[in-house]
Amino acid sequence: MKSILEKLEQRRSGARLGGGEQRIEAQHRRGKLTARERIGLLLDHGSFEEYDMFVEHRASEFGADRSKIPGDGVVTGWGTVNGRTVFVFAKDFTVFGGSLSEAHAQKMTKIQDMALKARAPIIGLFDAGGARIQEGVAALAGYGDVFKRNVQASGVIPQISVIMGPCAGGDVYSPAMTDFIFMVRDTSYMFVTGPEVVKTVTNEIVTAEELGGASVHATRSAVADGAFENDVECLLQMRRFIDFLPAHSGAGVPEWPSFDDVERLEPSLDTLIPDNPNKPYDMKELIQKVVDEGDFFELSPQFAKNILTGFGRIAGRTVGFVANQPMVLAGVLDSDASRKAARFVRFCNAFDIPIVTFVDVPGFLPGTAQESGGLIKNGAKLLFAYSQCTVPLVTLITRKAFGGAYVVMAAKHIGADVNYAWPTAQIAVMGAKGAVEIIFRSDLGDPEKIAERTAEYESSFMSPFKAAERGFIDEVIMPHSTRRRIARALSMLRTKTLEMPAKKHDNLPL
């Protein structure tokens, strides 16, 4: 018996080495951790239960049968993050470059199926070179099996992809169908076709970083929801991030102990809005002063900076935040901001996460670039996303709420449950100057009349009370009481029930 146990331990030790010491050292020289080191940092110490450690590929073409390594380039299993169950797979670049074979794909689909059955989040750590060419269509079929399960799990369990090295070809489509993608700066990249193919086809010379690095996907393409400096920071932030997410769509939001008084007043908010209506202020300050202990996990902070999205907690329970950012483009809505917010709102609705919306929006960004770039349909995505929400929706207008953007930003008319405004709120079709120049065009030559008309318009519409008189605003509140009022509203809405008309599925304006 002792010899059998020793043989088992030897086989385990061999499997844990992956591609061997030399390849592990090469991985470290690139500034990257190995697959197992990454899992060790992500999960609670000692909680990882590995599956299929001894699986090997079954290919024989092109001499593949002469090179077999246990695990076949991916480490799979489950463990806990702060005591909560999560499933994980990590591509092992030291084994065949992490390339996907038929057996490799079967390991992934097995863990995907288990995550779906167990109703627990799944996290994929990507560091791979695409399909294993020696296996041909068998590898491509494996990709299809993985993709199908991504779609089946969508909206049921949270799916997170962390890109920690190369991610090319078929490997990019699985992350693209998950809920969130995070990258590591300078060592990770994503693209469908690599620099060599690009050079051959288009004669364009480009580096991997320029083609698909974090500098591209976290700032311009919006493929990634964030980027971190190195593997360690990234994995530690993933531990923090997973704490905000429900285990599955029917679990309800996680609730953590909070030492922050839910009745806390914040006097500094009374002076947050500048006296000059054209002067910006930082909306992130409002979010951080409302959430528990100032803990706000922002998503896509480098993309569409004119809108803020992310998670915080109020009374220990997760809340999704959407907020215009006056510091960038005056908080105007454009195509990028609309798409960014719409995707976030849809995730929150799918997983029963309440949404708080802070509004300071002067309208939609005008111009030929925006119109030709599909601003109408992109703006409609956000409108559609809010309108189909069944989760609690609490909206606060801090300053400007002009034109169609007022409606799109979770107005009462499209389903918001509780709509508050600060006394500084301005709710109108447009700003006073533009409105007066249109309504009283005949008086444009008389500055005194224009000034009089402008003052009249401002007194009528540049306050929240016209909307409050019609019931579109439920209450005009003091800024310092914002946290308390939002917390009470969310508490009241915990049992909200709203049924939408039966349908196969909606037709989102993609």
Protein backbone atom coordinates (compact mmCIF):
# COMPACT_ATOMS: atom_id res chain seq x y z
CA MET A 1 0.00 0.00 0.00
CA LYS A 2 2.81 2.40 0.89
CA SER A 3 4.44 2.00 -2.52
CA ILE A 4 1.11 2.69 -4.25
CA LEU A 5 0.66 5.88 -2.28
CA GLU A 6 4.21 6.94 -3.11
CA LYS A 7 3.54 6.37 -6.81
CA LEU A 8 0.40 8.49 -6.55
CA GLU A 9 2.33 11.30 -4.94
CA GLN A 10 5.03 11.04 -7.61
CA ARG A 11 2.42 11.31 -10.35
CA ARG A 12 0.84 14.27 -8.62
CA SER A 13 4.21 16.01 -8.26
CA GLY A 14 4.93 15.42 -11.93
CA ALA A 15 1.55 16.81 -12.95
CA ARG A 16 1.98 19.89 -10.76
CA LEU A 17 5.24 20.69 -12.53
CA GLY A 18 3.37 21.20 -15.80
CA GLY A 19 5.87 21.81 -18.58
CA GLY A 20 8.84 21.46 -16.22
CA GLU A 21 11.19 23.68 -14.25
CA GLN A 22 12.72 25.40 -17.29
CA ARG A 23 9.38 26.51 -18.65
CA ILE A 24 8.24 27.63 -15.21
CA GLU A 25 11.38 29.76 -14.91
CA ALA A 26 10.72 31.19 -18.38
CA GLN A 27 7.20 32.09 -17.26
CA HIS A 28 8.60 33.90 -14.22
CA ARG A 29 11.14 35.76 -16.36
CA ARG A 30 8.25 37.19 -18.36
CA GLY A 31 6.85 38.61 -15.12
CA LYS A 32 4.03 36.06 -14.99
CA LEU A 33 2.92 33.47 -12.45
CA THR A 34 2.15 29.86 -13.36
CA ALA A 35 -1.41 28.56 -13.56
CA ARG A 36 -1.25 26.91 -10.16
CA GLU A 37 0.39 29.91 -8.53
CA ARG A 38 -2.43 32.06 -9.84
CA ILE A 39 -5.09 29.74 -8.49
CA GLY A 40 -3.31 29.70 -5.15
CA LEU A 41 -3.50 33.50 -4.94
CA LEU A 42 -7.10 33.71 -6.15
CA LEU A 43 -8.64 31.11 -3.84
CA ASP A 44 -8.65 30.80 -0.07
CA HIS A 45 -5.53 29.00 1.18
CA GLY A 46 -5.91 25.23 0.97
CA SER A 47 -9.42 25.34 -0.53
CA PHE A 48 -8.60 24.28 -4.11
CA GLU A 49 -9.98 20.92 -5.21
CA GLU A 50 -8.41 20.03 -8.55
CA TYR A 51 -10.14 17.93 -11.20
CA ASP A 52 -8.67 15.95 -14.09
CA MET A 53 -5.04 16.38 -13.06
CA PHE A 54 -3.95 13.34 -15.08
CA VAL A 55 -5.89 13.97 -18.32
CA GLU A 56 -3.73 13.75 -21.46
CA HIS A 57 -4.49 14.44 -25.09
CA ARG A 58 -5.29 11.58 -27.46
CA ALA A 59 -3.87 13.01 -30.69
CA SER A 60 -1.30 11.08 -32.72
CA GLU A 61 -0.80 13.15 -35.87
CA PHE A 62 2.47 15.04 -36.49
CA GLY A 63 4.21 13.20 -33.68
CA ALA A 64 1.82 14.47 -31.01
CA ASP A 65 1.71 11.02 -29.40
CA ARG A 66 5.39 11.37 -28.47
CA SER A 67 4.69 14.38 -26.23
CA LYS A 68 2.08 14.02 -23.53
CA ILE A 69 1.95 16.01 -20.28
CA PRO A 70 -0.61 15.38 -17.49
CA GLY A 71 -3.23 18.12 -17.32
CA ASP A 72 -2.86 18.96 -21.01
CA GLY A 73 -2.40 22.70 -20.58
CA VAL A 74 -5.27 23.67 -18.30
CA VAL A 75 -5.80 23.38 -14.53
CA THR A 76 -9.44 23.03 -13.46
CA GLY A 77 -11.32 22.68 -10.19
CA TRP A 78 -13.16 24.56 -7.50
CA GLY A 79 -12.46 26.29 -4.20
CA THR A 80 -13.61 29.25 -2.14
CA VAL A 81 -13.07 33.00 -2.13
CA ASN A 82 -13.72 34.39 1.35
CA GLY A 83 -15.69 31.25 2.06
CA ARG A 84 -17.90 31.38 -1.06
CA THR A 85 -17.69 28.61 -3.64
CA VAL A 86 -16.24 29.45 -7.06
CA PHE A 87 -15.16 27.28 -9.98
CA VAL A 88 -11.97 28.05 -11.84
CA PHE A 89 -9.89 27.02 -14.83
CA ALA A 90 -6.41 28.36 -15.53
CA LYS A 91 -4.59 27.94 -18.82
CA ASP A 92 -1.06 26.62 -18.28
CA PHE A 93 1.30 28.31 -20.73
CA THR A 94 4.15 25.97 -19.73
CA VAL A 95 2.27 23.03 -21.32
CA PHE A 96 1.99 23.28 -25.12
CA GLY A 97 1.68 27.07 -24.74
CA GLY A 98 -1.72 26.56 -23.10
CA SER A 99 -3.15 25.65 -26.53
CA LEU A 100 -6.57 24.04 -26.65
CA SER A 101 -6.92 20.38 -27.63
CA GLU A 102 -9.97 18.13 -27.58
CA ALA A 103 -9.06 16.80 -24.10
CA HIS A 104 -8.22 20.33 -22.87
CA ALA A 105 -11.67 21.53 -24.00
CA GLN A 106 -13.38 18.59 -22.30
CA LYS A 107 -11.74 19.57 -19.03
CA MET A 108 -13.09 23.10 -19.44
CA THR A 109 -16.62 22.06 -20.38
CA LYS A 110 -16.72 19.64 -17.46
CA ILE A 111 -15.99 22.43 -15.00
CA GLN A 112 -18.42 24.77 -16.80
CA ASP A 113 -21.17 22.15 -16.44
CA MET A 114 -20.37 21.68 -12.77
CA ALA A 115 -20.45 25.43 -12.11
CA LEU A 116 -23.85 25.67 -13.76
CA LYS A 117 -25.22 22.71 -11.79
CA ALA A 118 -23.79 24.01 -8.53
CA ARG A 119 -24.99 27.56 -9.33
CA ALA A 120 -21.64 29.15 -8.48
CA PRO A 121 -19.49 31.74 -10.31
CA ILE A 122 -16.79 30.58 -12.71
CA ILE A 123 -13.50 32.38 -13.27
CA GLY A 124 -11.25 31.69 -16.26
CA LEU A 125 -7.57 32.63 -16.17
CA PHE A 126 -6.32 32.89 -19.76
CA ASP A 127 -2.70 32.54 -20.88
CA ALA A 128 -2.70 30.59 -24.13
CA GLY A 129 -1.88 30.58 -27.80
CA GLY A 130 -5.18 29.45 -29.32
CA ALA A 131 -6.11 26.09 -30.84
CA ARG A 132 -3.61 23.23 -30.96
CA ILE A 133 -2.89 23.07 -34.68
CA GLN A 134 -1.94 19.37 -34.62
CA GLU A 135 -5.53 18.45 -33.69
CA GLY A 136 -7.27 20.39 -36.45
CA VAL A 137 -11.06 20.30 -36.39
CA ALA A 138 -11.16 18.41 -33.07
CA ALA A 139 -9.75 21.50 -31.37
CA LEU A 140 -12.21 23.75 -33.18
CA ALA A 141 -15.07 21.51 -32.06
CA GLY A 142 -13.80 21.88 -28.50
CA TYR A 143 -14.02 25.65 -28.81
CA GLY A 144 -17.61 25.34 -29.97
CA ASP A 145 -18.49 23.24 -26.93
CA VAL A 146 -16.97 25.86 -24.61
CA PHE A 147 -18.76 28.74 -26.39
CA LYS A 148 -22.14 27.00 -26.16
CA ARG A 149 -21.77 26.65 -22.40
CA ASN A 150 -20.79 30.31 -22.04
CA VAL A 151 -24.12 31.20 -23.60
CA GLN A 152 -26.11 28.70 -21.53
CA ALA A 153 -24.59 30.05 -18.30
CA SER A 154 -25.11 33.71 -19.26
CA GLY A 155 -27.51 35.36 -16.83
CA VAL A 156 -27.51 32.30 -14.57
CA ILE A 157 -24.06 32.42 -12.93
CA PRO A 158 -21.45 35.19 -13.04
CA GLN A 159 -18.68 34.45 -15.55
CA ILE A 160 -15.37 36.32 -15.19
CA SER A 161 -12.43 36.15 -17.59
CA VAL A 162 -8.96 37.29 -16.52
CA ILE A 163 -6.47 37.69 -19.36
CA MET A 164 -2.99 37.11 -17.96
CA GLY A 165 -0.96 36.41 -21.08
CA PRO A 166 -1.61 35.84 -24.79
CA CYS A 167 -5.22 35.18 -25.76
CA ALA A 168 -5.61 34.73 -29.49
CA GLY A 169 -7.81 33.18 -32.16
CA GLY A 170 -10.66 31.09 -30.81
CA ASP A 171 -9.60 31.76 -27.23
CA VAL A 172 -10.88 35.35 -27.37
CA TYR A 173 -14.51 34.48 -28.04
CA SER A 174 -15.14 32.66 -24.78
CA PRO A 175 -14.06 35.69 -22.70
CA ALA A 176 -16.07 37.96 -25.01
CA MET A 177 -19.26 36.12 -24.02
CA THR A 178 -18.59 36.27 -20.29
CA ASP A 179 -19.83 39.03 -18.00
CA PHE A 180 -16.50 40.71 -17.21
CA ILE A 181 -13.00 40.74 -18.67
CA PHE A 182 -9.93 42.00 -16.84
CA MET A 183 -6.37 42.26 -18.18
CA VAL A 184 -2.81 42.65 -16.91
CA ARG A 185 -0.87 45.56 -18.37
CA ASP A 186 2.14 44.81 -20.61
CA THR A 187 1.92 41.00 -20.30
CA SER A 188 -1.58 40.24 -21.64
CA TYR A 189 -3.18 40.81 -25.00
CA MET A 190 -6.25 39.72 -26.98
CA PHE A 191 -6.76 39.57 -30.72
CA VAL A 192 -8.46 37.39 -33.30
CA THR A 193 -5.44 37.47 -35.63
CA GLY A 194 -1.90 38.17 -34.49
CA PRO A 195 0.68 40.70 -35.70
CA GLU A 196 2.21 38.29 -38.27
CA VAL A 197 -1.16 37.59 -39.92
CA VAL A 198 -2.00 41.30 -39.91
CA LYS A 199 1.32 42.05 -41.61
CA THR A 200 0.73 39.36 -44.25
CA VAL A 201 -2.85 40.36 -45.05
CA THR A 202 -2.81 44.15 -44.69
CA ASN A 203 0.95 44.91 -44.78
CA GLU A 204 0.47 46.72 -41.46
CA ILE A 205 3.34 46.42 -38.99
CA VAL A 206 2.03 46.39 -35.43
CA THR A 207 3.13 45.00 -32.07
CA ALA A 208 1.03 42.67 -29.93
CA GLU A 209 0.50 45.47 -27.41
CA GLU A 210 -0.61 47.95 -30.08
CA LEU A 211 -2.91 45.37 -31.62
CA GLY A 212 -4.60 43.98 -28.54
CA GLY A 213 -2.95 44.99 -25.28
CA ALA A 214 -4.63 46.37 -22.19
CA SER A 215 -3.88 49.89 -23.45
CA VAL A 216 -6.26 49.17 -26.34
CA HIS A 217 -8.99 47.06 -24.79
CA ALA A 218 -9.36 48.92 -21.48
CA THR A 219 -9.38 52.39 -23.03
CA ARG A 220 -10.64 52.28 -26.64
CA SER A 221 -12.37 49.05 -27.62
CA ALA A 222 -14.11 48.45 -24.24
CA VAL A 223 -13.45 44.73 -24.61
CA ALA A 224 -11.89 44.75 -21.11
CA ASP A 225 -13.57 46.11 -17.98
CA GLY A 226 -10.29 47.00 -16.31
CA ALA A 227 -6.53 46.47 -16.29
CA PHE A 228 -4.06 45.92 -13.45
CA GLU A 229 -0.31 46.31 -13.12
CA ASN A 230 0.67 42.68 -12.51
CA ASP A 231 -0.64 39.19 -11.79
CA VAL A 232 -0.65 39.64 -8.01
CA GLU A 233 -2.61 42.90 -8.00
CA CYS A 234 -5.05 41.51 -10.55
CA LEU A 235 -5.83 38.35 -8.58
CA LEU A 236 -6.18 40.19 -5.28
CA GLN A 237 -8.62 42.60 -6.93
CA MET A 238 -10.57 39.63 -8.30
CA ARG A 239 -10.96 38.37 -4.73
CA ARG A 240 -12.37 41.78 -3.82
CA PHE A 241 -14.57 41.89 -6.92
CA ILE A 242 -16.18 38.48 -6.45
CA ASP A 243 -17.41 39.59 -3.01
CA PHE A 244 -19.81 42.02 -4.71
CA LEU A 245 -21.44 39.39 -6.95
CA PRO A 246 -24.29 37.00 -6.20
CA ALA A 247 -23.55 33.28 -6.52
CA HIS A 248 -26.28 32.98 -9.17
CA SER A 249 -29.30 34.80 -10.54
CA GLY A 250 -31.66 33.54 -7.83
CA ALA A 251 -29.36 33.91 -4.83
CA GLY A 252 -29.87 37.58 -4.06
CA VAL A 253 -26.99 39.96 -3.43
CA PRO A 254 -24.35 38.97 -0.86
CA GLU A 255 -24.55 40.70 2.50
CA TRP A 256 -21.39 41.51 4.47
CA PRO A 257 -20.98 43.04 7.93
CA SER A 258 -20.59 46.82 7.76
CA PHE A 259 -19.26 49.18 10.40
CA ASP A 260 -20.65 52.21 8.56
CA ASP A 261 -23.81 53.66 10.12
CA VAL A 262 -26.62 53.49 7.59
CA GLU A 263 -28.05 56.71 9.07
CA ARG A 264 -24.77 58.58 8.60
CA LEU A 265 -25.08 62.19 7.43
CA GLU A 266 -22.44 63.71 5.15
CA PRO A 267 -22.39 67.53 5.58
CA SER A 268 -19.68 67.94 2.91
CA LEU A 269 -22.23 67.00 0.22
CA ASP A 270 -24.09 70.26 0.89
CA THR A 271 -21.23 72.09 -0.84
CA LEU A 272 -20.43 69.54 -3.55
CA ILE A 273 -22.31 71.39 -6.30
CA PRO A 274 -20.48 74.60 -7.38
CA ASP A 275 -22.40 77.89 -7.50
CA ASN A 276 -21.46 78.24 -11.17
CA PRO A 277 -23.69 75.76 -13.07
CA ASN A 278 -20.99 75.33 -15.73
CA LYS A 279 -18.28 74.37 -13.27
CA PRO A 280 -17.54 70.64 -12.94
CA TYR A 281 -17.27 68.54 -9.79
CA ASP A 282 -16.28 64.93 -9.19
CA MET A 283 -19.32 62.62 -9.08
CA LYS A 284 -17.09 59.84 -7.74
CA GLU A 285 -16.87 61.80 -4.49
CA LEU A 286 -20.64 61.49 -4.09
CA ILE A 287 -20.55 57.73 -4.70
CA GLN A 288 -17.72 57.17 -2.24
CA LYS A 289 -19.49 59.19 0.45
CA VAL A 290 -22.73 57.27 -0.01
CA VAL A 291 -21.40 53.68 -0.08
CA ASP A 292 -20.32 51.70 2.96
CA GLU A 293 -16.81 52.65 4.10
CA GLY A 294 -16.07 54.40 0.79
CA ASP A 295 -15.57 51.05 -0.95
CA PHE A 296 -16.43 51.46 -4.66
CA PHE A 297 -15.25 48.99 -7.32
CA GLU A 298 -15.29 50.95 -10.56
CA LEU A 299 -15.62 49.16 -13.89
CA SER A 300 -14.09 50.41 -17.16
CA PRO A 301 -12.54 53.46 -15.44
CA GLN A 302 -10.45 54.33 -18.53
CA PHE A 303 -13.25 53.98 -21.11
CA ALA A 304 -16.10 56.48 -21.60
CA LYS A 305 -14.99 58.45 -18.55
CA ASN A 306 -18.06 60.70 -18.85
CA ILE A 307 -20.07 57.97 -17.12
CA LEU A 308 -19.24 55.96 -14.01
CA THR A 309 -20.28 52.35 -13.44
CA GLY A 310 -19.39 49.98 -10.63
CA PHE A 311 -20.36 48.24 -7.43
CA GLY A 312 -20.58 49.43 -3.85
CA ARG A 313 -22.53 48.42 -0.76
CA ILE A 314 -25.22 50.13 1.26
CA ALA A 315 -26.16 48.53 4.59
CA GLY A 316 -23.79 45.70 3.69
CA ARG A 317 -25.66 44.75 0.50
CA THR A 318 -24.33 45.10 -3.05
CA VAL A 319 -25.65 47.98 -5.16
CA GLY A 320 -24.82 48.84 -8.78
CA PHE A 321 -24.06 52.50 -9.45
CA VAL A 322 -24.46 54.42 -12.71
CA ALA A 323 -23.53 58.10 -12.65
CA ASN A 324 -22.78 60.89 -15.08
CA GLN A 325 -19.31 62.37 -14.53
CA PRO A 326 -19.33 66.20 -14.93
CA MET A 327 -15.51 66.19 -14.86
CA VAL A 328 -15.45 64.70 -18.39
CA LEU A 329 -17.39 66.26 -21.30
CA ALA A 330 -19.71 67.82 -18.68
CA GLY A 331 -21.21 64.35 -18.11
CA VAL A 332 -22.85 64.29 -21.54
CA LEU A 333 -24.12 60.98 -22.93
CA ASP A 334 -22.41 59.71 -26.08
CA SER A 335 -22.28 56.37 -27.89
CA ASP A 336 -19.52 54.91 -25.72
CA ALA A 337 -21.06 56.01 -22.43
CA SER A 338 -24.46 54.65 -23.45
CA ARG A 339 -23.05 51.23 -24.39
CA LYS A 340 -20.95 51.04 -21.23
CA ALA A 341 -23.86 51.85 -18.94
CA ALA A 342 -26.36 49.67 -20.82
CA ARG A 343 -24.26 46.54 -20.48
CA PHE A 344 -23.76 47.21 -16.76
CA VAL A 345 -27.47 47.81 -16.18
CA ARG A 346 -28.35 44.55 -17.95
CA PHE A 347 -25.90 42.60 -15.79
CA CYS A 348 -27.37 44.08 -12.61
CA ASN A 349 -30.90 43.29 -13.73
CA ALA A 350 -29.98 39.69 -14.65
CA PHE A 351 -28.55 39.07 -11.18
CA ASP A 352 -31.09 41.04 -9.09
CA ILE A 353 -28.65 43.76 -8.06
CA PRO A 354 -30.42 47.05 -7.18
CA ILE A 355 -29.31 50.06 -9.23
CA VAL A 356 -28.72 53.59 -7.96
CA THR A 357 -28.39 56.26 -10.65
CA PHE A 358 -26.86 59.71 -10.05
CA VAL A 359 -27.83 62.18 -12.76
CA ASP A 360 -26.08 65.32 -13.95
CA VAL A 361 -26.48 65.19 -17.72
CA PRO A 362 -26.75 68.17 -20.11
CA GLY A 363 -27.98 65.94 -22.95
CA PHE A 364 -26.56 63.81 -25.74
CA LEU A 365 -23.29 64.76 -27.42
CA PRO A 366 -24.04 66.49 -30.75
CA GLY A 367 -22.00 66.16 -33.94
CA THR A 368 -21.58 64.25 -37.17
CA ALA A 369 -19.16 61.76 -35.61
CA GLN A 370 -21.72 60.74 -33.00
CA GLU A 371 -24.64 60.53 -35.42
CA SER A 372 -22.72 58.52 -38.00
CA GLY A 373 -21.38 56.34 -35.18
CA GLY A 374 -24.89 55.23 -34.25
CA LEU A 375 -25.67 57.49 -31.29
CA ILE A 376 -29.41 56.89 -31.79
CA LYS A 377 -29.16 53.12 -31.40
CA ASN A 378 -26.47 53.28 -28.74
CA GLY A 379 -28.53 55.70 -26.68
CA ALA A 380 -31.53 53.41 -27.19
CA LYS A 381 -29.56 50.52 -25.65
CA LEU A 382 -29.37 52.34 -22.32
CA LEU A 383 -33.01 53.40 -22.54
CA PHE A 384 -33.98 49.81 -23.34
CA ALA A 385 -31.84 48.39 -20.52
CA TYR A 386 -33.39 50.61 -17.85
CA SER A 387 -36.91 50.12 -19.21
CA GLN A 388 -36.74 46.33 -18.91
CA CYS A 389 -35.37 46.37 -15.35
CA THR A 390 -37.31 44.55 -12.66
CA VAL A 391 -34.76 45.26 -9.91
CA PRO A 392 -35.10 48.18 -7.47
CA LEU A 393 -34.22 51.47 -9.19
CA VAL A 394 -33.39 54.58 -7.17
CA THR A 395 -32.48 57.77 -9.03
CA LEU A 396 -31.05 61.03 -7.71
CA ILE A 397 -30.73 64.18 -9.84
CA THR A 398 -27.95 66.35 -8.48
CA ARG A 399 -27.87 69.12 -11.08
CA LYS A 400 -28.67 69.06 -14.81
CA ALA A 401 -31.18 66.66 -16.34
CA PHE A 402 -31.86 68.00 -19.81
CA GLY A 403 -33.76 66.69 -22.82
CA GLY A 404 -34.07 63.03 -23.74
CA ALA A 405 -31.05 62.25 -21.58
CA TYR A 406 -33.21 63.05 -18.52
CA VAL A 407 -35.58 60.25 -19.48
CA VAL A 408 -32.83 57.80 -20.45
CA MET A 409 -31.05 58.15 -17.09
CA ALA A 410 -33.62 56.10 -15.14
CA ALA A 411 -36.42 58.64 -14.99
CA LYS A 412 -39.72 57.83 -13.27
CA HIS A 413 -41.35 57.47 -16.69
CA ILE A 414 -39.32 54.38 -17.70
CA GLY A 415 -39.73 52.49 -14.45
CA ALA A 416 -37.60 54.00 -11.68
CA ASP A 417 -39.18 53.30 -8.29
CA VAL A 418 -37.90 56.21 -6.21
CA ASN A 419 -36.71 59.46 -7.77
CA TYR A 420 -35.03 62.07 -5.60
CA ALA A 421 -33.55 65.45 -6.46
CA TRP A 422 -31.26 67.86 -4.69
CA PRO A 423 -32.43 71.49 -4.47
CA THR A 424 -29.74 72.25 -7.08
CA ALA A 425 -31.45 70.05 -9.69
CA GLN A 426 -32.39 71.56 -13.06
CA ILE A 427 -34.90 69.55 -15.09
CA ALA A 428 -35.81 70.90 -18.50
CA VAL A 429 -35.81 70.25 -22.23
CA MET A 430 -32.55 72.19 -22.50
CA GLY A 431 -30.49 74.90 -20.81
CA ALA A 432 -32.07 78.33 -20.29
CA LYS A 433 -29.93 80.18 -22.86
CA GLY A 434 -30.65 77.75 -25.71
CA ALA A 435 -34.34 77.51 -24.86
CA VAL A 436 -34.85 81.28 -24.77
CA GLU A 437 -33.03 81.77 -28.07
CA ILE A 438 -35.45 79.33 -29.69
CA ILE A 439 -38.70 80.36 -27.99
CA PHE A 440 -38.08 84.10 -28.22
CA ARG A 441 -36.13 84.26 -31.45
CA SER A 442 -37.76 87.57 -32.36
CA ASP A 443 -36.26 89.21 -29.25
CA LEU A 444 -32.65 88.26 -29.99
CA GLY A 445 -31.79 91.85 -30.86
CA ASP A 446 -32.92 93.12 -27.46
CA PRO A 447 -30.47 92.03 -24.69
CA GLU A 448 -32.76 93.30 -21.90
CA LYS A 449 -35.72 91.25 -23.09
CA ILE A 450 -33.54 88.17 -23.55
CA ALA A 451 -32.19 88.56 -20.01
CA GLU A 452 -35.75 88.91 -18.69
CA ARG A 453 -36.95 85.86 -20.62
CA THR A 454 -33.93 83.86 -19.45
CA ALA A 455 -34.65 84.70 -15.80
CA GLU A 456 -38.29 83.72 -16.34
CA TYR A 457 -37.28 80.37 -17.87
CA GLU A 458 -34.79 79.70 -15.09
CA SER A 459 -37.36 80.37 -12.37
CA SER A 460 -39.82 78.02 -14.07
CA PHE A 461 -37.57 75.11 -15.04
CA MET A 462 -34.14 75.48 -13.45
CA SER A 463 -35.32 73.89 -10.23
CA PRO A 464 -36.70 70.46 -9.29
CA PHE A 465 -40.08 71.76 -8.18
CA LYS A 466 -41.92 71.71 -11.54
CA ALA A 467 -41.16 67.99 -11.77
CA ALA A 468 -42.01 67.50 -8.09
CA GLU A 469 -45.36 69.23 -8.58
CA ARG A 470 -46.23 66.62 -11.20
CA GLY A 471 -45.00 63.68 -9.12
CA PHE A 472 -42.06 62.93 -11.43
CA ILE A 473 -39.74 63.62 -8.49
CA ASP A 474 -40.84 61.91 -5.27
CA GLU A 475 -38.95 64.19 -2.92
CA VAL A 476 -36.46 67.05 -2.95
CA ILE A 477 -33.89 66.04 -0.35
CA MET A 478 -31.02 67.65 1.48
CA PRO A 479 -27.67 66.54 0.03
CA HIS A 480 -26.25 65.62 3.44
CA SER A 481 -29.03 63.06 3.96
CA THR A 482 -28.45 61.26 0.62
CA ARG A 483 -27.00 58.04 2.06
CA ARG A 484 -29.78 57.70 4.61
CA ARG A 485 -32.56 58.35 2.09
CA ILE A 486 -31.16 55.95 -0.50
CA ALA A 487 -30.62 53.26 2.14
CA ARG A 488 -34.23 53.57 3.31
CA ALA A 489 -35.53 53.43 -0.26
CA LEU A 490 -33.51 50.30 -1.01
CA SER A 491 -34.69 48.67 2.20
CA MET A 492 -38.30 49.37 1.29
CA LEU A 493 -37.76 47.95 -2.23
CA ARG A 494 -36.16 44.66 -1.13
CA THR A 495 -39.44 42.86 -1.73
CA LYS A 496 -40.16 44.57 -5.06
CA THR A 497 -41.99 42.29 -7.50
CA LEU A 498 -42.53 43.20 -11.13
CA GLU A 499 -43.57 40.82 -13.88
CA MET A 500 -42.86 41.64 -17.51
CA PRO A 501 -45.09 40.45 -20.40
CA ALA A 502 -44.39 36.87 -21.46
CA LYS A 503 -42.12 36.63 -24.50
CA LYS A 504 -39.43 34.42 -25.98
CA HIS A 505 -36.88 37.23 -25.62
CA ASP A 506 -36.69 40.92 -26.34
CA ASN A 507 -35.06 42.47 -29.40
CA LEU A 508 -32.41 44.74 -27.88
CA PRO A 509 -31.25 47.41 -30.37
CA LEU A 510 -27.78 45.88 -30.84
